[in-house]
Protein backbone atom coordinates (compact mmCIF):
# COMPACT_ATOMS: atom_id res chain seq x y z
CA MET A 1 -3.84 115.64 69.12
CA LYS A 2 -6.51 115.83 71.84
CA ILE A 3 -6.08 112.15 72.58
CA PHE A 4 -2.32 112.63 72.99
CA VAL A 5 -2.86 115.52 75.43
CA TRP A 6 -5.28 113.42 77.49
CA LEU A 7 -2.83 110.51 77.52
CA VAL A 8 -0.07 112.79 78.79
CA ARG A 9 -2.41 114.16 81.47
CA LEU A 10 -3.33 110.63 82.49
CA ALA A 11 0.33 109.61 82.69
CA VAL A 12 1.18 112.63 84.87
CA PHE A 13 -1.81 111.92 87.12
CA VAL A 14 -0.84 108.28 87.54
CA ALA A 15 2.76 109.25 88.34
CA ILE A 16 1.70 111.83 90.94
CA PHE A 17 -0.87 109.45 92.41
CA GLY A 18 1.76 106.74 92.68
CA LEU A 19 4.11 109.11 94.49
CA ALA A 20 1.32 110.09 96.88
CA ILE A 21 0.57 106.45 97.65
CA LYS A 22 4.25 105.62 98.23
CA ASN A 23 4.71 108.69 100.48
CA SER A 24 1.66 108.27 102.67
CA GLY A 25 3.61 107.83 105.90
CA PRO A 26 2.87 110.30 108.70
CA VAL A 27 5.23 113.20 109.37
CA ASP A 28 5.33 115.60 112.30
CA LEU A 29 5.30 119.32 111.61
CA ARG A 30 6.60 121.14 114.65
CA PHE A 31 5.48 124.74 115.07
CA TYR A 32 6.31 127.34 117.67
CA LEU A 33 5.09 126.93 121.27
CA ASP A 34 5.41 123.14 121.02
CA ASN A 35 2.51 122.75 118.60
CA VAL A 36 2.73 119.56 116.53
CA TRP A 37 0.62 118.63 113.52
CA GLN A 38 0.73 115.11 112.11
CA ALA A 39 -0.19 114.57 108.48
CA PRO A 40 0.75 112.28 105.60
CA LEU A 41 3.84 113.41 103.70
CA SER A 42 1.89 113.70 100.45
CA VAL A 43 -0.54 116.17 102.09
CA VAL A 44 2.34 118.26 103.42
CA ILE A 45 3.96 118.36 99.97
CA LEU A 46 0.62 119.28 98.37
CA LEU A 47 0.08 122.12 100.87
CA ALA A 48 3.61 123.44 100.29
CA PHE A 49 3.03 123.33 96.52
CA ALA A 50 -0.31 125.15 96.85
CA ALA A 51 1.26 127.80 99.11
CA GLY A 52 3.98 128.35 96.51
CA ILE A 53 1.43 128.77 93.75
CA ALA A 54 -0.61 131.19 95.87
CA ALA A 55 2.47 133.29 96.67
CA GLY A 56 3.52 133.21 93.03
CA LEU A 57 0.14 134.55 91.92
CA LEU A 58 -0.40 137.00 94.77
CA VAL A 59 2.83 138.97 94.43
CA PRO A 60 2.30 139.95 90.76
CA ALA A 61 -1.34 140.80 91.52
CA PHE A 62 -0.26 143.31 94.18
CA MET A 63 2.35 144.75 91.83
CA LEU A 64 -0.22 145.19 89.06
CA ALA A 65 -2.66 146.85 91.45
CA ARG A 66 0.04 149.24 92.64
CA GLN A 67 1.00 150.10 89.05
CA ALA A 68 -2.64 150.72 88.10
CA HIS A 69 -3.04 153.02 91.10
CA GLU A 70 0.14 154.90 90.18
CA LEU A 71 -1.00 155.22 86.56
CA ARG A 72 -4.36 156.69 87.64
CA ARG A 73 -2.59 159.10 89.98
CA LEU A 74 -0.20 160.28 87.26
CA ARG A 75 -2.97 160.66 84.69
CA LYS A 76 -4.96 162.74 87.13
CA ARG A 77 -1.89 164.86 87.82
CA VAL A 78 -1.35 165.71 84.13
CA GLY A 79 -5.06 166.05 83.43
CA VAL A 80 -5.42 163.16 81.00
CA THR A 81 -8.76 161.39 81.13
CA GLU A 82 -9.15 157.68 80.44
CA THR A 83 -9.73 156.79 76.82
CA GLU A 84 -12.11 154.11 75.60
CA GLU A 85 -9.17 151.70 75.15
CA ASP A 86 -8.12 151.98 78.81
CA LYS A 87 -11.54 151.14 80.22
């Protein structure tokens, strides 16, 4: 089974690598105030993908932190101390 998983990983890597090679042409990213950044299309796609992953992980992390803060505040309000399971 491990060999099959590694073969699938290799196939995905080769496919993504092939797409990156085929899409290596330069693109212009135009920002505000006439700023222009030139980069290969594959780098731009990779950065957009990484930004999406970061946003997807950051939003739930903030929500969990807010919920933990609210839980501590409510426990303090009712006078319940943390149990050994909560630590």
